[in-house]
């Protein structure tokens, strides 16, 4: 149970650190998944399939951005973001200056 919690926590931390990459990946997978689904529908014109794929990907992107905003809000409330900033500042202080 604790190992699973650690894995979930490490995934959450990666997502927090790479928000834009996560949203971009979700957008690309949304477009590809929607195109694959729409291409299996024989009654639609190609332009309609592409428009539907774009709309589905936009909805998925908005959901991902809302999720990132919620994570950011809870990190701010819990103080986790402040701890990360302090950790980054400590690393920069020990780095040799050129």
PDB file of N, CA and C in Angstrom:
ATOM      1  N   UNK A   1       0.822  -1.184   0.000  1.00  0.00           N
ATOM      2  CA  UNK A   1       0.000   0.000   0.000  1.00  0.00           C
ATOM      3  C   UNK A   1       0.875   1.260   0.000  1.00  0.00           C
ATOM      4  N   UNK A   2       1.909   1.259   0.837  1.00  0.00           N
ATOM      5  CA  UNK A   2       2.767   2.431   0.933  1.00  0.00           C
ATOM      6  C   UNK A   2       3.601   2.615  -0.334  1.00  0.00           C
ATOM      7  N   UNK A   3       4.009   1.483  -0.949  1.00  0.00           N
ATOM      8  CA  UNK A   3       4.768   1.569  -2.195  1.00  0.00           C
ATOM      9  C   UNK A   3       3.906   2.187  -3.296  1.00  0.00           C
ATOM     10  N   UNK A   4       2.632   1.800  -3.336  1.00  0.00           N
ATOM     11  CA  UNK A   4       1.705   2.358  -4.319  1.00  0.00           C
ATOM     12  C   UNK A   4       1.507   3.843  -4.075  1.00  0.00           C
ATOM     13  N   UNK A   5       1.394   4.240  -2.816  1.00  0.00           N
ATOM     14  CA  UNK A   5       1.225   5.647  -2.475  1.00  0.00           C
ATOM     15  C   UNK A   5       2.456   6.443  -2.900  1.00  0.00           C
ATOM     16  N   UNK A   6       3.639   5.881  -2.720  1.00  0.00           N
ATOM     17  CA  UNK A   6       4.862   6.538  -3.147  1.00  0.00           C
ATOM     18  C   UNK A   6       4.923   6.707  -4.652  1.00  0.00           C
ATOM     19  N   UNK A   7       4.446   5.708  -5.373  1.00  0.00           N
ATOM     20  CA  UNK A   7       4.441   5.771  -6.830  1.00  0.00           C
ATOM     21  C   UNK A   7       3.464   6.844  -7.302  1.00  0.00           C
ATOM     22  N   UNK A   8       2.287   6.884  -6.703  1.00  0.00           N
ATOM     23  CA  UNK A   8       1.297   7.898  -7.059  1.00  0.00           C
ATOM     24  C   UNK A   8       1.824   9.289  -6.735  1.00  0.00           C
ATOM     25  N   UNK A   9       2.479   9.422  -5.595  1.00  0.00           N
ATOM     26  CA  UNK A   9       3.045  10.715  -5.198  1.00  0.00           C
ATOM     27  C   UNK A   9       4.141  11.147  -6.169  1.00  0.00           C
ATOM     28  N   UNK A  10       4.973  10.221  -6.617  1.00  0.00           N
ATOM     29  CA  UNK A  10       6.031  10.584  -7.569  1.00  0.00           C
ATOM     30  C   UNK A  10       5.436  10.982  -8.922  1.00  0.00           C
ATOM     31  N   UNK A  11       4.366  10.332  -9.332  1.00  0.00           N
ATOM     32  CA  UNK A  11       3.682  10.712 -10.580  1.00  0.00           C
ATOM     33  C   UNK A  11       3.086  12.106 -10.437  1.00  0.00           C
ATOM     34  N   UNK A  12       2.458  12.376  -9.295  1.00  0.00           N
ATOM     35  CA  UNK A  12       1.869  13.699  -9.048  1.00  0.00           C
ATOM     36  C   UNK A  12       2.949  14.778  -9.073  1.00  0.00           C
ATOM     37  N   UNK A  13       4.096  14.509  -8.456  1.00  0.00           N
ATOM     38  CA  UNK A  13       5.182  15.479  -8.448  1.00  0.00           C
ATOM     39  C   UNK A  13       5.697  15.744  -9.865  1.00  0.00           C
ATOM     40  N   UNK A  14       5.806  14.682 -10.678  1.00  0.00           N
ATOM     41  CA  UNK A  14       6.265  14.863 -12.053  1.00  0.00           C
ATOM     42  C   UNK A  14       5.276  15.739 -12.824  1.00  0.00           C
ATOM     43  N   UNK A  15       3.989  15.487 -12.638  1.00  0.00           N
ATOM     44  CA  UNK A  15       2.967  16.276 -13.326  1.00  0.00           C
ATOM     45  C   UNK A  15       3.027  17.730 -12.888  1.00  0.00           C
ATOM     46  N   UNK A  16       3.228  17.965 -11.591  1.00  0.00           N
ATOM     47  CA  UNK A  16       3.319  19.336 -11.080  1.00  0.00           C
ATOM     48  C   UNK A  16       4.520  20.045 -11.699  1.00  0.00           C
ATOM     49  N   UNK A  17       5.648  19.352 -11.838  1.00  0.00           N
ATOM     50  CA  UNK A  17       6.855  19.953 -12.385  1.00  0.00           C
ATOM     51  C   UNK A  17       6.775  20.159 -13.902  1.00  0.00           C
ATOM     52  N   UNK A  18       5.973  19.350 -14.601  1.00  0.00           N
ATOM     53  CA  UNK A  18       5.901  19.393 -16.070  1.00  0.00           C
ATOM     54  C   UNK A  18       4.464  19.614 -16.537  1.00  0.00           C
ATOM     55  N   UNK A  19       3.846  20.663 -16.060  1.00  0.00           N
ATOM     56  CA  UNK A  19       2.434  20.928 -16.386  1.00  0.00           C
ATOM     57  C   UNK A  19       2.205  21.099 -17.884  1.00  0.00           C
ATOM     58  N   UNK A  20       3.011  21.932 -18.531  1.00  0.00           N
ATOM     59  CA  UNK A  20       2.792  22.194 -19.951  1.00  0.00           C
ATOM     60  C   UNK A  20       3.027  20.951 -20.800  1.00  0.00           C
ATOM     61  N   UNK A  21       4.028  20.169 -20.457  1.00  0.00           N
ATOM     62  CA  UNK A  21       4.287  18.924 -21.186  1.00  0.00           C
ATOM     63  C   UNK A  21       3.110  17.959 -21.013  1.00  0.00           C
ATOM     64  N   UNK A  22       2.558  17.912 -19.799  1.00  0.00           N
ATOM     65  CA  UNK A  22       1.422  17.035 -19.538  1.00  0.00           C
ATOM     66  C   UNK A  22       0.203  17.465 -20.346  1.00  0.00           C
ATOM     67  N   UNK A  23      -0.081  18.767 -20.349  1.00  0.00           N
ATOM     68  CA  UNK A  23      -1.233  19.271 -21.100  1.00  0.00           C
ATOM     69  C   UNK A  23      -1.028  19.045 -22.600  1.00  0.00           C
ATOM     70  N   UNK A  24       0.177  19.280 -23.094  1.00  0.00           N
ATOM     71  CA  UNK A  24       0.467  19.050 -24.517  1.00  0.00           C
ATOM     72  C   UNK A  24       0.312  17.597 -24.909  1.00  0.00           C
ATOM     73  N   UNK A  25       0.769  16.717 -24.044  1.00  0.00           N
ATOM     74  CA  UNK A  25       0.625  15.280 -24.313  1.00  0.00           C
ATOM     75  C   UNK A  25      -0.837  14.873 -24.321  1.00  0.00           C
ATOM     76  N   UNK A  26      -1.605  15.394 -23.370  1.00  0.00           N
ATOM     77  CA  UNK A  26      -3.038  15.099 -23.353  1.00  0.00           C
ATOM     78  C   UNK A  26      -3.717  15.626 -24.612  1.00  0.00           C
ATOM     79  N   UNK A  27      -3.330  16.813 -25.056  1.00  0.00           N
ATOM     80  CA  UNK A  27      -3.921  17.388 -26.255  1.00  0.00           C
ATOM     81  C   UNK A  27      -3.611  16.511 -27.473  1.00  0.00           C
ATOM     82  N   UNK A  28      -2.344  16.133 -27.620  1.00  0.00           N
ATOM     83  CA  UNK A  28      -1.962  15.309 -28.771  1.00  0.00           C
ATOM     84  C   UNK A  28      -2.656  13.947 -28.743  1.00  0.00           C
ATOM     85  N   UNK A  29      -2.717  13.334 -27.563  1.00  0.00           N
ATOM     86  CA  UNK A  29      -3.395  12.038 -27.483  1.00  0.00           C
ATOM     87  C   UNK A  29      -4.892  12.197 -27.713  1.00  0.00           C
ATOM     88  N   UNK A  30      -5.462  13.329 -27.298  1.00  0.00           N
ATOM     89  CA  UNK A  30      -6.881  13.589 -27.558  1.00  0.00           C
ATOM     90  C   UNK A  30      -7.170  13.718 -29.042  1.00  0.00           C
ATOM     91  N   UNK A  31      -6.312  14.459 -29.736  1.00  0.00           N
ATOM     92  CA  UNK A  31      -6.477  14.617 -31.192  1.00  0.00           C
ATOM     93  C   UNK A  31      -6.360  13.252 -31.882  1.00  0.00           C
ATOM     94  N   UNK A  32      -5.312  12.507 -31.549  1.00  0.00           N
ATOM     95  CA  UNK A  32      -5.100  11.208 -32.210  1.00  0.00           C
ATOM     96  C   UNK A  32      -6.224  10.226 -31.902  1.00  0.00           C
ATOM     97  N   UNK A  33      -6.651  10.167 -30.647  1.00  0.00           N
ATOM     98  CA  UNK A  33      -7.732   9.264 -30.273  1.00  0.00           C
ATOM     99  C   UNK A  33      -9.043   9.636 -30.952  1.00  0.00           C
ATOM    100  N   UNK A  34      -9.324  10.929 -30.987  1.00  0.00           N
ATOM    101  CA  UNK A  34     -10.556  11.381 -31.617  1.00  0.00           C
ATOM    102  C   UNK A  34     -10.519  11.154 -33.130  1.00  0.00           C
ATOM    103  N   UNK A  35      -9.371  11.410 -33.746  1.00  0.00           N
ATOM    104  CA  UNK A  35      -9.254  11.134 -35.187  1.00  0.00           C
ATOM    105  C   UNK A  35      -9.445   9.650 -35.469  1.00  0.00           C
ATOM    106  N   UNK A  36      -8.848   8.806 -34.641  1.00  0.00           N
ATOM    107  CA  UNK A  36      -9.001   7.357 -34.832  1.00  0.00           C
ATOM    108  C   UNK A  36     -10.465   6.952 -34.696  1.00  0.00           C
ATOM    109  N   UNK A  37     -11.148   7.510 -33.708  1.00  0.00           N
ATOM    110  CA  UNK A  37     -12.563   7.170 -33.524  1.00  0.00           C
ATOM    111  C   UNK A  37     -13.394   7.698 -34.691  1.00  0.00           C
ATOM    112  N   UNK A  38     -13.181   8.958 -35.059  1.00  0.00           N
ATOM    113  CA  UNK A  38     -13.977   9.560 -36.127  1.00  0.00           C
ATOM    114  C   UNK A  38     -13.729   8.888 -37.474  1.00  0.00           C
ATOM    115  N   UNK A  39     -12.508   8.402 -37.711  1.00  0.00           N
ATOM    116  CA  UNK A  39     -12.229   7.735 -38.978  1.00  0.00           C
ATOM    117  C   UNK A  39     -12.966   6.405 -39.086  1.00  0.00           C
ATOM    118  N   UNK A  40     -13.383   5.857 -37.951  1.00  0.00           N
ATOM    119  CA  UNK A  40     -14.142   4.602 -38.005  1.00  0.00           C
ATOM    120  C   UNK A  40     -15.623   4.851 -38.319  1.00  0.00           C
ATOM    121  N   UNK A  41     -16.034   6.101 -38.351  1.00  0.00           N
ATOM    122  CA  UNK A  41     -17.413   6.460 -38.684  1.00  0.00           C
ATOM    123  C   UNK A  41     -17.504   6.735 -40.192  1.00  0.00           C
ATOM    124  N   UNK A  42     -18.126   5.857 -40.959  1.00  0.00           N
ATOM    125  CA  UNK A  42     -18.113   6.002 -42.421  1.00  0.00           C
ATOM    126  C   UNK A  42     -19.063   7.079 -42.953  1.00  0.00           C
ATOM    127  N   UNK A  43     -20.000   7.557 -42.149  1.00  0.00           N
ATOM    128  CA  UNK A  43     -21.020   8.478 -42.663  1.00  0.00           C
ATOM    129  C   UNK A  43     -20.592   9.939 -42.640  1.00  0.00           C
ATOM    130  N   UNK A  44     -19.407  10.264 -42.110  1.00  0.00           N
ATOM    131  CA  UNK A  44     -18.992  11.660 -41.973  1.00  0.00           C
ATOM    132  C   UNK A  44     -18.021  12.068 -43.079  1.00  0.00           C
ATOM    133  N   UNK A  45     -18.087  13.365 -43.429  1.00  0.00           N
ATOM    134  CA  UNK A  45     -17.110  13.922 -44.351  1.00  0.00           C
ATOM    135  C   UNK A  45     -15.791  14.106 -43.599  1.00  0.00           C
ATOM    136  N   UNK A  46     -14.702  14.142 -44.336  1.00  0.00           N
ATOM    137  CA  UNK A  46     -13.373  14.285 -43.724  1.00  0.00           C
ATOM    138  C   UNK A  46     -13.262  15.583 -42.936  1.00  0.00           C
ATOM    139  N   UNK A  47     -13.801  16.675 -43.462  1.00  0.00           N
ATOM    140  CA  UNK A  47     -13.715  17.960 -42.752  1.00  0.00           C
ATOM    141  C   UNK A  47     -14.448  17.898 -41.413  1.00  0.00           C
ATOM    142  N   UNK A  48     -15.568  17.209 -41.351  1.00  0.00           N
ATOM    143  CA  UNK A  48     -16.319  17.078 -40.102  1.00  0.00           C
ATOM    144  C   UNK A  48     -15.536  16.221 -39.101  1.00  0.00           C
ATOM    145  N   UNK A  49     -14.876  15.184 -39.594  1.00  0.00           N
ATOM    146  CA  UNK A  49     -14.058  14.339 -38.717  1.00  0.00           C
ATOM    147  C   UNK A  49     -12.941  15.152 -38.075  1.00  0.00           C
ATOM    148  N   UNK A  50     -12.275  15.987 -38.863  1.00  0.00           N
ATOM    149  CA  UNK A  50     -11.182  16.811 -38.343  1.00  0.00           C
ATOM    150  C   UNK A  50     -11.707  17.839 -37.350  1.00  0.00           C
ATOM    151  N   UNK A  51     -12.834  18.460 -37.654  1.00  0.00           N
ATOM    152  CA  UNK A  51     -13.420  19.452 -36.741  1.00  0.00           C
ATOM    153  C   UNK A  51     -13.798  18.791 -35.416  1.00  0.00           C
ATOM    154  N   UNK A  52     -14.396  17.617 -35.470  1.00  0.00           N
ATOM    155  CA  UNK A  52     -14.769  16.913 -34.238  1.00  0.00           C
ATOM    156  C   UNK A  52     -13.531  16.555 -33.418  1.00  0.00           C
ATOM    157  N   UNK A  53     -12.480  16.101 -34.097  1.00  0.00           N
ATOM    158  CA  UNK A  53     -11.247  15.748 -33.393  1.00  0.00           C
ATOM    159  C   UNK A  53     -10.675  16.977 -32.685  1.00  0.00           C
ATOM    160  N   UNK A  54     -10.682  18.126 -33.350  1.00  0.00           N
ATOM    161  CA  UNK A  54     -10.168  19.356 -32.753  1.00  0.00           C
ATOM    162  C   UNK A  54     -11.006  19.767 -31.548  1.00  0.00           C
ATOM    163  N   UNK A  55     -12.308  19.667 -31.664  1.00  0.00           N
ATOM    164  CA  UNK A  55     -13.191  20.036 -30.553  1.00  0.00           C
ATOM    165  C   UNK A  55     -13.004  19.108 -29.351  1.00  0.00           C
ATOM    166  N   UNK A  56     -12.863  17.818 -29.606  1.00  0.00           N
ATOM    167  CA  UNK A  56     -12.624  16.876 -28.502  1.00  0.00           C
ATOM    168  C   UNK A  56     -11.296  17.168 -27.813  1.00  0.00           C
ATOM    169  N   UNK A  57     -10.263  17.458 -28.607  1.00  0.00           N
ATOM    170  CA  UNK A  57      -8.951  17.760 -28.030  1.00  0.00           C
ATOM    171  C   UNK A  57      -8.995  19.059 -27.231  1.00  0.00           C
ATOM    172  N   UNK A  58      -9.746  20.039 -27.690  1.00  0.00           N
ATOM    173  CA  UNK A  58      -9.865  21.292 -26.935  1.00  0.00           C
ATOM    174  C   UNK A  58     -10.564  21.058 -25.606  1.00  0.00           C
ATOM    175  N   UNK A  59     -11.605  20.246 -25.609  1.00  0.00           N
ATOM    176  CA  UNK A  59     -12.307  19.948 -24.352  1.00  0.00           C
ATOM    177  C   UNK A  59     -11.377  19.223 -23.382  1.00  0.00           C
ATOM    178  N   UNK A  60     -10.599  18.269 -23.901  1.00  0.00           N
ATOM    179  CA  UNK A  60      -9.654  17.542 -23.054  1.00  0.00           C
ATOM    180  C   UNK A  60      -8.584  18.486 -22.510  1.00  0.00           C
ATOM    181  N   UNK A  61      -8.128  19.431 -23.330  1.00  0.00           N
ATOM    182  CA  UNK A  61      -7.123  20.399 -22.892  1.00  0.00           C
ATOM    183  C   UNK A  61      -7.683  21.305 -21.798  1.00  0.00           C
ATOM    184  N   UNK A  62      -8.910  21.762 -21.960  1.00  0.00           N
ATOM    185  CA  UNK A  62      -9.528  22.584 -20.915  1.00  0.00           C
ATOM    186  C   UNK A  62      -9.655  21.816 -19.608  1.00  0.00           C
ATOM    187  N   UNK A  63     -10.009  20.547 -19.700  1.00  0.00           N
ATOM    188  CA  UNK A  63     -10.100  19.723 -18.494  1.00  0.00           C
ATOM    189  C   UNK A  63      -8.725  19.559 -17.851  1.00  0.00           C
ATOM    190  N   UNK A  64      -7.686  19.362 -18.663  1.00  0.00           N
ATOM    191  CA  UNK A  64      -6.327  19.225 -18.132  1.00  0.00           C
ATOM    192  C   UNK A  64      -5.858  20.523 -17.490  1.00  0.00           C
ATOM    193  N   UNK A  65      -6.162  21.649 -18.101  1.00  0.00           N
ATOM    194  CA  UNK A  65      -5.789  22.940 -17.514  1.00  0.00           C
ATOM    195  C   UNK A  65      -6.535  23.189 -16.206  1.00  0.00           C
ATOM    196  N   UNK A  66      -7.799  22.808 -16.163  1.00  0.00           N
ATOM    197  CA  UNK A  66      -8.561  22.942 -14.914  1.00  0.00           C
ATOM    198  C   UNK A  66      -7.956  22.049 -13.835  1.00  0.00           C
ATOM    199  N   UNK A  67      -7.568  20.830 -14.209  1.00  0.00           N
ATOM    200  CA  UNK A  67      -6.918  19.935 -13.256  1.00  0.00           C
ATOM    201  C   UNK A  67      -5.599  20.504 -12.768  1.00  0.00           C
ATOM    202  N   UNK A  68      -4.811  21.090 -13.669  1.00  0.00           N
ATOM    203  CA  UNK A  68      -3.538  21.708 -13.275  1.00  0.00           C
ATOM    204  C   UNK A  68      -3.776  22.883 -12.342  1.00  0.00           C
ATOM    205  N   UNK A  69      -4.840  23.645 -12.592  1.00  0.00           N
ATOM    206  CA  UNK A  69      -5.168  24.771 -11.709  1.00  0.00           C
ATOM    207  C   UNK A  69      -5.550  24.274 -10.317  1.00  0.00           C
ATOM    208  N   UNK A  70      -6.287  23.187 -10.255  1.00  0.00           N
ATOM    209  CA  UNK A  70      -6.675  22.619  -8.954  1.00  0.00           C
ATOM    210  C   UNK A  70      -5.446  22.126  -8.199  1.00  0.00           C
ATOM    211  N   UNK A  71      -4.549  21.437  -8.904  1.00  0.00           N
ATOM    212  CA  UNK A  71      -3.316  20.960  -8.264  1.00  0.00           C
ATOM    213  C   UNK A  71      -2.501  22.149  -7.759  1.00  0.00           C
ATOM    214  N   UNK A  72      -2.397  23.193  -8.572  1.00  0.00           N
ATOM    215  CA  UNK A  72      -1.651  24.384  -8.175  1.00  0.00           C
ATOM    216  C   UNK A  72      -2.281  25.043  -6.951  1.00  0.00           C
ATOM    217  N   UNK A  73      -3.604  25.103  -6.922  1.00  0.00           N
ATOM    218  CA  UNK A  73      -4.318  25.695  -5.786  1.00  0.00           C
ATOM    219  C   UNK A  73      -4.034  24.916  -4.502  1.00  0.00           C
ATOM    220  N   UNK A  74      -4.136  23.586  -4.572  1.00  0.00           N
ATOM    221  CA  UNK A  74      -3.899  22.781  -3.371  1.00  0.00           C
ATOM    222  C   UNK A  74      -2.432  22.804  -2.951  1.00  0.00           C
ATOM    223  N   UNK A  75      -1.508  22.874  -3.921  1.00  0.00           N
ATOM    224  CA  UNK A  75      -0.098  23.013  -3.573  1.00  0.00           C
ATOM    225  C   UNK A  75       0.145  24.344  -2.862  1.00  0.00           C
ATOM    226  N   UNK A  76      -0.508  25.385  -3.339  1.00  0.00           N
ATOM    227  CA  UNK A  76      -0.361  26.705  -2.714  1.00  0.00           C
ATOM    228  C   UNK A  76      -0.948  26.700  -1.311  1.00  0.00           C
ATOM    229  N   UNK A  77      -2.114  26.095  -1.148  1.00  0.00           N
ATOM    230  CA  UNK A  77      -2.774  26.039   0.158  1.00  0.00           C
ATOM    231  C   UNK A  77      -1.999  25.192   1.165  1.00  0.00           C
ATOM    232  N   UNK A  78      -1.439  24.079   0.703  1.00  0.00           N
ATOM    233  CA  UNK A  78      -0.747  23.166   1.615  1.00  0.00           C
ATOM    234  C   UNK A  78       0.680  23.604   1.911  1.00  0.00           C
ATOM    235  N   UNK A  79       1.211  24.528   1.133  1.00  0.00           N
ATOM    236  CA  UNK A  79       2.575  24.979   1.340  1.00  0.00           C
ATOM    237  C   UNK A  79       3.601  24.150   0.591  1.00  0.00           C
ATOM    238  N   UNK A  80       3.166  23.174  -0.184  1.00  0.00           N
ATOM    239  CA  UNK A  80       4.098  22.320  -0.924  1.00  0.00           C
ATOM    240  C   UNK A  80       4.863  23.119  -1.970  1.00  0.00           C
ATOM    241  N   UNK A  81       4.207  24.092  -2.574  1.00  0.00           N
ATOM    242  CA  UNK A  81       4.876  24.902  -3.582  1.00  0.00           C
ATOM    243  C   UNK A  81       5.965  25.743  -2.933  1.00  0.00           C
ATOM    244  N   UNK A  82       5.696  26.306  -1.776  1.00  0.00           N
ATOM    245  CA  UNK A  82       6.701  27.101  -1.071  1.00  0.00           C
ATOM    246  C   UNK A  82       7.909  26.249  -0.702  1.00  0.00           C
ATOM    247  N   UNK A  83       7.669  25.002  -0.311  1.00  0.00           N
ATOM    248  CA  UNK A  83       8.777  24.100   0.020  1.00  0.00           C
ATOM    249  C   UNK A  83       9.640  23.821  -1.211  1.00  0.00           C
ATOM    250  N   UNK A  84       9.013  23.658  -2.388  1.00  0.00           N
ATOM    251  CA  UNK A  84       9.775  23.424  -3.614  1.00  0.00           C
ATOM    252  C   UNK A  84      10.616  24.639  -3.969  1.00  0.00           C
ATOM    253  N   UNK A  85      10.065  25.833  -3.777  1.00  0.00           N
ATOM    254  CA  UNK A  85      10.802  27.055  -4.085  1.00  0.00           C
ATOM    255  C   UNK A  85      12.014  27.183  -3.168  1.00  0.00           C
ATOM    256  N   UNK A  86      11.833  26.902  -1.895  1.00  0.00           N
ATOM    257  CA  UNK A  86      12.954  26.962  -0.954  1.00  0.00           C
ATOM    258  C   UNK A  86      14.023  25.951  -1.340  1.00  0.00           C
ATOM    259  N   UNK A  87      13.596  24.758  -1.728  1.00  0.00           N
ATOM    260  CA  UNK A  87      14.549  23.729  -2.136  1.00  0.00           C
ATOM    261  C   UNK A  87      15.330  24.183  -3.375  1.00  0.00           C
ATOM    262  N   UNK A  88      14.651  24.804  -4.323  1.00  0.00           N
ATOM    263  CA  UNK A  88      15.334  25.306  -5.515  1.00  0.00           C
ATOM    264  C   UNK A  88      16.303  26.423  -5.164  1.00  0.00           C
ATOM    265  N   UNK A  89      15.916  27.305  -4.262  1.00  0.00           N
ATOM    266  CA  UNK A  89      16.804  28.394  -3.862  1.00  0.00           C
ATOM    267  C   UNK A  89      18.032  27.861  -3.143  1.00  0.00           C
ATOM    268  N   UNK A  90      17.880  26.843  -2.333  1.00  0.00           N
ATOM    269  CA  UNK A  90      19.023  26.234  -1.647  1.00  0.00           C
ATOM    270  C   UNK A  90      20.000  25.636  -2.644  1.00  0.00           C
ATOM    271  N   UNK A  91      19.492  25.013  -3.691  1.00  0.00           N
ATOM    272  CA  UNK A  91      20.363  24.428  -4.707  1.00  0.00           C
ATOM    273  C   UNK A  91      21.142  25.538  -5.418  1.00  0.00           C
ATOM    274  N   UNK A  92      20.465  26.642  -5.749  1.00  0.00           N
ATOM    275  CA  UNK A  92      21.123  27.742  -6.458  1.00  0.00           C
ATOM    276  C   UNK A  92      22.185  28.404  -5.587  1.00  0.00           C
ATOM    277  N   UNK A  93      22.024  28.447  -4.276  1.00  0.00           N
ATOM    278  CA  UNK A  93      23.001  29.081  -3.391  1.00  0.00           C
ATOM    279  C   UNK A  93      24.294  28.282  -3.326  1.00  0.00           C
ATOM    280  N   UNK A  94      24.235  26.962  -3.470  1.00  0.00           N
ATOM    281  CA  UNK A  94      25.412  26.117  -3.385  1.00  0.00           C
ATOM    282  C   UNK A  94      26.107  25.927  -4.721  1.00  0.00           C
ATOM    283  N   UNK A  95      25.529  26.447  -5.778  1.00  0.00           N
ATOM    284  CA  UNK A  95      26.121  26.313  -7.098  1.00  0.00           C
ATOM    285  C   UNK A  95      27.282  27.296  -7.236  1.00  0.00           C
ATOM    286  N   UNK A  96      28.441  26.884  -7.780  1.00  0.00           N
ATOM    287  CA  UNK A  96      29.559  27.821  -7.926  1.00  0.00           C
ATOM    288  C   UNK A  96      29.217  28.904  -8.934  1.00  0.00           C
ATOM    289  N   UNK A  97      29.651  30.124  -8.630  1.00  0.00           N
ATOM    290  CA  UNK A  97      29.379  31.265  -9.522  1.00  0.00           C
ATOM    291  C   UNK A  97      30.528  31.434 -10.498  1.00  0.00           C
ATOM    292  N   UNK A  98      30.170  31.685 -11.750  1.00  0.00           N
ATOM    293  CA  UNK A  98      31.195  31.874 -12.802  1.00  0.00           C
ATOM    294  C   UNK A  98      31.452  33.320 -13.050  1.00  0.00           C
TER     295      UNK A  98
END
